[in-house]
Amino acid sequence: MQNDQDHASIQISFVDVDENGLYKPSCTSYAICGALRRMGESDDCINRLAKRSGILPRNF
């Protein structure tokens, strides 16, 4: 849960593309709180979420 005082939090959005690599009007967004970033866990969290959503392959 993020609050308005968490100035270290980020939001990253992955844009969906079609088979030709063209932008589609949908995306998948993730919000990472500052506490996870300070612990150095944000990259692992984003990888796990992206695998779960099918953005990254399971064996990445």
PDB file of N, CA and C in Angstrom:
ATOM      1  N   MET A   1       0.839  -1.173   0.000  1.00  0.00           N
ATOM      2  CA  MET A   1       0.000   0.000   0.000  1.00  0.00           C
ATOM      3  C   MET A   1       0.886   1.239   0.000  1.00  0.00           C
ATOM      4  N   GLN A   2       0.634   2.117  -0.915  1.00  0.00           N
ATOM      5  CA  GLN A   2       1.412   3.348  -1.012  1.00  0.00           C
ATOM      6  C   GLN A   2       0.596   4.511  -0.471  1.00  0.00           C
ATOM      7  N   ASN A   3       1.307   5.476   0.079  1.00  0.00           N
ATOM      8  CA  ASN A   3       0.621   6.681   0.522  1.00  0.00           C
ATOM      9  C   ASN A   3       1.238   7.896  -0.159  1.00  0.00           C
ATOM     10  N   ASP A   4       0.676   9.048   0.098  1.00  0.00           N
ATOM     11  CA  ASP A   4       1.140  10.255  -0.590  1.00  0.00           C
ATOM     12  C   ASP A   4       2.493  10.749  -0.095  1.00  0.00           C
ATOM     13  N   GLN A   5       3.017  10.173   0.979  1.00  0.00           N
ATOM     14  CA  GLN A   5       4.321  10.569   1.503  1.00  0.00           C
ATOM     15  C   GLN A   5       5.453   9.663   1.020  1.00  0.00           C
ATOM     16  N   ASP A   6       5.141   8.625   0.277  1.00  0.00           N
ATOM     17  CA  ASP A   6       6.157   7.687  -0.218  1.00  0.00           C
ATOM     18  C   ASP A   6       6.740   8.229  -1.522  1.00  0.00           C
ATOM     19  N   HIS A   7       7.713   9.113  -1.401  1.00  0.00           N
ATOM     20  CA  HIS A   7       8.290   9.760  -2.578  1.00  0.00           C
ATOM     21  C   HIS A   7       9.284   8.873  -3.321  1.00  0.00           C
ATOM     22  N   ALA A   8       9.576   7.688  -2.790  1.00  0.00           N
ATOM     23  CA  ALA A   8      10.483   6.759  -3.463  1.00  0.00           C
ATOM     24  C   ALA A   8       9.721   5.721  -4.277  1.00  0.00           C
ATOM     25  N   SER A   9       8.397   5.759  -4.235  1.00  0.00           N
ATOM     26  CA  SER A   9       7.612   4.776  -4.975  1.00  0.00           C
ATOM     27  C   SER A   9       7.650   5.082  -6.472  1.00  0.00           C
ATOM     28  N   ILE A  10       7.459   4.033  -7.261  1.00  0.00           N
ATOM     29  CA  ILE A  10       7.442   4.175  -8.717  1.00  0.00           C
ATOM     30  C   ILE A  10       6.251   3.416  -9.288  1.00  0.00           C
ATOM     31  N   GLN A  11       5.879   3.773 -10.482  1.00  0.00           N
ATOM     32  CA  GLN A  11       4.911   3.001 -11.245  1.00  0.00           C
ATOM     33  C   GLN A  11       5.509   2.782 -12.618  1.00  0.00           C
ATOM     34  N   ILE A  12       5.483   1.542 -13.080  1.00  0.00           N
ATOM     35  CA  ILE A  12       6.019   1.199 -14.393  1.00  0.00           C
ATOM     36  C   ILE A  12       4.900   0.545 -15.200  1.00  0.00           C
ATOM     37  N   SER A  13       4.800   0.932 -16.458  1.00  0.00           N
ATOM     38  CA  SER A  13       3.758   0.399 -17.333  1.00  0.00           C
ATOM     39  C   SER A  13       4.395  -0.277 -18.534  1.00  0.00           C
ATOM     40  N   PHE A  14       3.913  -1.468 -18.841  1.00  0.00           N
ATOM     41  CA  PHE A  14       4.349  -2.223 -20.009  1.00  0.00           C
ATOM     42  C   PHE A  14       3.234  -2.139 -21.046  1.00  0.00           C
ATOM     43  N   VAL A  15       3.537  -1.546 -22.178  1.00  0.00           N
ATOM     44  CA  VAL A  15       2.549  -1.354 -23.233  1.00  0.00           C
ATOM     45  C   VAL A  15       2.374  -2.652 -24.004  1.00  0.00           C
ATOM     46  N   ASP A  16       1.137  -2.979 -24.305  1.00  0.00           N
ATOM     47  CA  ASP A  16       0.849  -4.148 -25.134  1.00  0.00           C
ATOM     48  C   ASP A  16       1.088  -3.790 -26.597  1.00  0.00           C
ATOM     49  N   VAL A  17       1.641  -4.731 -27.350  1.00  0.00           N
ATOM     50  CA  VAL A  17       1.876  -4.542 -28.780  1.00  0.00           C
ATOM     51  C   VAL A  17       1.267  -5.709 -29.545  1.00  0.00           C
ATOM     52  N   ASP A  18       0.952  -5.472 -30.807  1.00  0.00           N
ATOM     53  CA  ASP A  18       0.422  -6.547 -31.639  1.00  0.00           C
ATOM     54  C   ASP A  18       1.570  -7.338 -32.263  1.00  0.00           C
ATOM     55  N   GLU A  19       1.236  -8.283 -33.133  1.00  0.00           N
ATOM     56  CA  GLU A  19       2.252  -9.158 -33.731  1.00  0.00           C
ATOM     57  C   GLU A  19       3.231  -8.405 -34.624  1.00  0.00           C
ATOM     58  N   ASN A  20       2.872  -7.187 -35.029  1.00  0.00           N
ATOM     59  CA  ASN A  20       3.764  -6.357 -35.844  1.00  0.00           C
ATOM     60  C   ASN A  20       4.591  -5.387 -35.008  1.00  0.00           C
ATOM     61  N   GLY A  21       4.410  -5.451 -33.701  1.00  0.00           N
ATOM     62  CA  GLY A  21       5.143  -4.551 -32.818  1.00  0.00           C
ATOM     63  C   GLY A  21       4.519  -3.178 -32.680  1.00  0.00           C
ATOM     64  N   LEU A  22       3.284  -3.040 -33.136  1.00  0.00           N
ATOM     65  CA  LEU A  22       2.601  -1.753 -33.039  1.00  0.00           C
ATOM     66  C   LEU A  22       1.865  -1.636 -31.708  1.00  0.00           C
ATOM     67  N   TYR A  23       1.857  -0.435 -31.184  1.00  0.00           N
ATOM     68  CA  TYR A  23       1.223  -0.120 -29.909  1.00  0.00           C
ATOM     69  C   TYR A  23      -0.266  -0.433 -29.923  1.00  0.00           C
ATOM     70  N   LYS A  24      -0.733  -1.080 -28.849  1.00  0.00           N
ATOM     71  CA  LYS A  24      -2.158  -1.293 -28.636  1.00  0.00           C
ATOM     72  C   LYS A  24      -2.584  -0.383 -27.484  1.00  0.00           C
ATOM     73  N   PRO A  25      -3.850  -0.034 -27.398  1.00  0.00           N
ATOM     74  CA  PRO A  25      -4.280   0.931 -26.374  1.00  0.00           C
ATOM     75  C   PRO A  25      -4.403   0.346 -24.963  1.00  0.00           C
ATOM     76  N   SER A  26      -3.765  -0.761 -24.699  1.00  0.00           N
ATOM     77  CA  SER A  26      -3.826  -1.353 -23.359  1.00  0.00           C
ATOM     78  C   SER A  26      -2.409  -1.537 -22.820  1.00  0.00           C
ATOM     79  N   CYS A  27      -2.318  -1.624 -21.502  1.00  0.00           N
ATOM     80  CA  CYS A  27      -1.010  -1.821 -20.882  1.00  0.00           C
ATOM     81  C   CYS A  27      -1.195  -2.526 -19.541  1.00  0.00           C
ATOM     82  N   THR A  28      -0.092  -3.000 -18.990  1.00  0.00           N
ATOM     83  CA  THR A  28      -0.058  -3.593 -17.663  1.00  0.00           C
ATOM     84  C   THR A  28       0.830  -2.712 -16.801  1.00  0.00           C
ATOM     85  N   SER A  29       0.305  -2.272 -15.657  1.00  0.00           N
ATOM     86  CA  SER A  29       1.050  -1.365 -14.784  1.00  0.00           C
ATOM     87  C   SER A  29       1.310  -2.012 -13.434  1.00  0.00           C
ATOM     88  N   TYR A  30       2.474  -1.718 -12.887  1.00  0.00           N
ATOM     89  CA  TYR A  30       2.852  -2.181 -11.556  1.00  0.00           C
ATOM     90  C   TYR A  30       3.323  -0.990 -10.744  1.00  0.00           C
ATOM     91  N   ALA A  31       2.935  -0.942  -9.485  1.00  0.00           N
ATOM     92  CA  ALA A  31       3.401   0.091  -8.564  1.00  0.00           C
ATOM     93  C   ALA A  31       4.293  -0.579  -7.525  1.00  0.00           C
ATOM     94  N   ILE A  32       5.468  -0.021  -7.313  1.00  0.00           N
ATOM     95  CA  ILE A  32       6.443  -0.558  -6.361  1.00  0.00           C
ATOM     96  C   ILE A  32       6.681   0.504  -5.290  1.00  0.00           C
ATOM     97  N   CYS A  33       6.504   0.122  -4.040  1.00  0.00           N
ATOM     98  CA  CYS A  33       6.670   1.087  -2.951  1.00  0.00           C
ATOM     99  C   CYS A  33       8.147   1.335  -2.651  1.00  0.00           C
ATOM    100  N   GLY A  34       8.410   2.445  -2.004  1.00  0.00           N
ATOM    101  CA  GLY A  34       9.769   2.837  -1.674  1.00  0.00           C
ATOM    102  C   GLY A  34      10.481   1.845  -0.775  1.00  0.00           C
ATOM    103  N   ALA A  35       9.746   1.181   0.125  1.00  0.00           N
ATOM    104  CA  ALA A  35      10.369   0.210   1.033  1.00  0.00           C
ATOM    105  C   ALA A  35      10.992  -0.944   0.251  1.00  0.00           C
ATOM    106  N   LEU A  36      10.291  -1.454  -0.751  1.00  0.00           N
ATOM    107  CA  LEU A  36      10.848  -2.534  -1.580  1.00  0.00           C
ATOM    108  C   LEU A  36      12.050  -2.048  -2.369  1.00  0.00           C
ATOM    109  N   ARG A  37      11.994  -0.819  -2.839  1.00  0.00           N
ATOM    110  CA  ARG A  37      13.129  -0.264  -3.584  1.00  0.00           C
ATOM    111  C   ARG A  37      14.348  -0.120  -2.682  1.00  0.00           C
ATOM    112  N   ARG A  38      14.145   0.336  -1.445  1.00  0.00           N
ATOM    113  CA  ARG A  38      15.266   0.492  -0.511  1.00  0.00           C
ATOM    114  C   ARG A  38      15.915  -0.847  -0.175  1.00  0.00           C
ATOM    115  N   MET A  39      15.107  -1.914  -0.140  1.00  0.00           N
ATOM    116  CA  MET A  39      15.639  -3.247   0.152  1.00  0.00           C
ATOM    117  C   MET A  39      16.301  -3.873  -1.068  1.00  0.00           C
ATOM    118  N   GLY A  40      16.195  -3.228  -2.227  1.00  0.00           N
ATOM    119  CA  GLY A  40      16.777  -3.773  -3.446  1.00  0.00           C
ATOM    120  C   GLY A  40      15.971  -4.911  -4.031  1.00  0.00           C
ATOM    121  N   GLU A  41      14.675  -4.956  -3.730  1.00  0.00           N
ATOM    122  CA  GLU A  41      13.821  -6.059  -4.171  1.00  0.00           C
ATOM    123  C   GLU A  41      12.932  -5.707  -5.359  1.00  0.00           C
ATOM    124  N   SER A  42      12.998  -4.473  -5.843  1.00  0.00           N
ATOM    125  CA  SER A  42      12.042  -4.066  -6.875  1.00  0.00           C
ATOM    126  C   SER A  42      12.229  -4.826  -8.183  1.00  0.00           C
ATOM    127  N   ASP A  43      13.476  -5.099  -8.578  1.00  0.00           N
ATOM    128  CA  ASP A  43      13.687  -5.822  -9.838  1.00  0.00           C
ATOM    129  C   ASP A  43      13.135  -7.236  -9.757  1.00  0.00           C
ATOM    130  N   ASP A  44      13.331  -7.895  -8.621  1.00  0.00           N
ATOM    131  CA  ASP A  44      12.805  -9.248  -8.445  1.00  0.00           C
ATOM    132  C   ASP A  44      11.276  -9.235  -8.427  1.00  0.00           C
ATOM    133  N   CYS A  45      10.689  -8.253  -7.774  1.00  0.00           N
ATOM    134  CA  CYS A  45       9.229  -8.150  -7.725  1.00  0.00           C
ATOM    135  C   CYS A  45       8.643  -7.933  -9.114  1.00  0.00           C
ATOM    136  N   ILE A  46       9.247  -7.041  -9.884  1.00  0.00           N
ATOM    137  CA  ILE A  46       8.750  -6.780 -11.237  1.00  0.00           C
ATOM    138  C   ILE A  46       8.888  -8.027 -12.103  1.00  0.00           C
ATOM    139  N   ASN A  47      10.006  -8.751 -11.975  1.00  0.00           N
ATOM    140  CA  ASN A  47      10.180  -9.991 -12.743  1.00  0.00           C
ATOM    141  C   ASN A  47       9.107 -11.007 -12.389  1.00  0.00           C
ATOM    142  N   ARG A  48       8.840 -11.198 -11.092  1.00  0.00           N
ATOM    143  CA  ARG A  48       7.830 -12.176 -10.676  1.00  0.00           C
ATOM    144  C   ARG A  48       6.439 -11.786 -11.171  1.00  0.00           C
ATOM    145  N   LEU A  49       6.092 -10.506 -11.052  1.00  0.00           N
ATOM    146  CA  LEU A  49       4.789 -10.050 -11.528  1.00  0.00           C
ATOM    147  C   LEU A  49       4.670 -10.190 -13.044  1.00  0.00           C
ATOM    148  N   ALA A  50       5.730  -9.867 -13.767  1.00  0.00           N
ATOM    149  CA  ALA A  50       5.705  -9.972 -15.229  1.00  0.00           C
ATOM    150  C   ALA A  50       5.594 -11.429 -15.678  1.00  0.00           C
ATOM    151  N   LYS A  51       6.234 -12.339 -14.970  1.00  0.00           N
ATOM    152  CA  LYS A  51       6.090 -13.768 -15.287  1.00  0.00           C
ATOM    153  C   LYS A  51       4.658 -14.212 -15.046  1.00  0.00           C
ATOM    154  N   ARG A  52       4.097 -13.800 -13.927  1.00  0.00           N
ATOM    155  CA  ARG A  52       2.732 -14.186 -13.580  1.00  0.00           C
ATOM    156  C   ARG A  52       1.725 -13.651 -14.606  1.00  0.00           C
ATOM    157  N   SER A  53       1.990 -12.467 -15.151  1.00  0.00           N
ATOM    158  CA  SER A  53       1.092 -11.857 -16.134  1.00  0.00           C
ATOM    159  C   SER A  53       1.338 -12.344 -17.554  1.00  0.00           C
ATOM    160  N   GLY A  54       2.415 -13.108 -17.767  1.00  0.00           N
ATOM    161  CA  GLY A  54       2.722 -13.605 -19.100  1.00  0.00           C
ATOM    162  C   GLY A  54       3.541 -12.649 -19.941  1.00  0.00           C
ATOM    163  N   ILE A  55       4.027 -11.562 -19.352  1.00  0.00           N
ATOM    164  CA  ILE A  55       4.873 -10.625 -20.087  1.00  0.00           C
ATOM    165  C   ILE A  55       6.249 -11.230 -20.308  1.00  0.00           C
ATOM    166  N   LEU A  56       6.772 -11.889 -19.290  1.00  0.00           N
ATOM    167  CA  LEU A  56       8.049 -12.609 -19.390  1.00  0.00           C
ATOM    168  C   LEU A  56       7.774 -14.102 -19.408  1.00  0.00           C
ATOM    169  N   PRO A  57       8.616 -14.881 -20.083  1.00  0.00           N
ATOM    170  CA  PRO A  57       8.443 -16.335 -20.042  1.00  0.00           C
ATOM    171  C   PRO A  57       8.744 -16.871 -18.646  1.00  0.00           C
ATOM    172  N   ARG A  58       8.139 -17.977 -18.292  1.00  0.00           N
ATOM    173  CA  ARG A  58       8.309 -18.574 -16.954  1.00  0.00           C
ATOM    174  C   ARG A  58       9.756 -18.944 -16.658  1.00  0.00           C
ATOM    175  N   ASN A  59      10.545 -19.274 -17.674  1.00  0.00           N
ATOM    176  CA  ASN A  59      11.929 -19.710 -17.452  1.00  0.00           C
ATOM    177  C   ASN A  59      12.924 -18.559 -17.542  1.00  0.00           C
ATOM    178  N   PHE A  60      12.453 -17.308 -17.475  1.00  0.00           N
ATOM    179  CA  PHE A  60      13.332 -16.144 -17.555  1.00  0.00           C
ATOM    180  C   PHE A  60      14.183 -16.049 -16.320  1.00  0.00           C
TER     181      PHE A  60
END
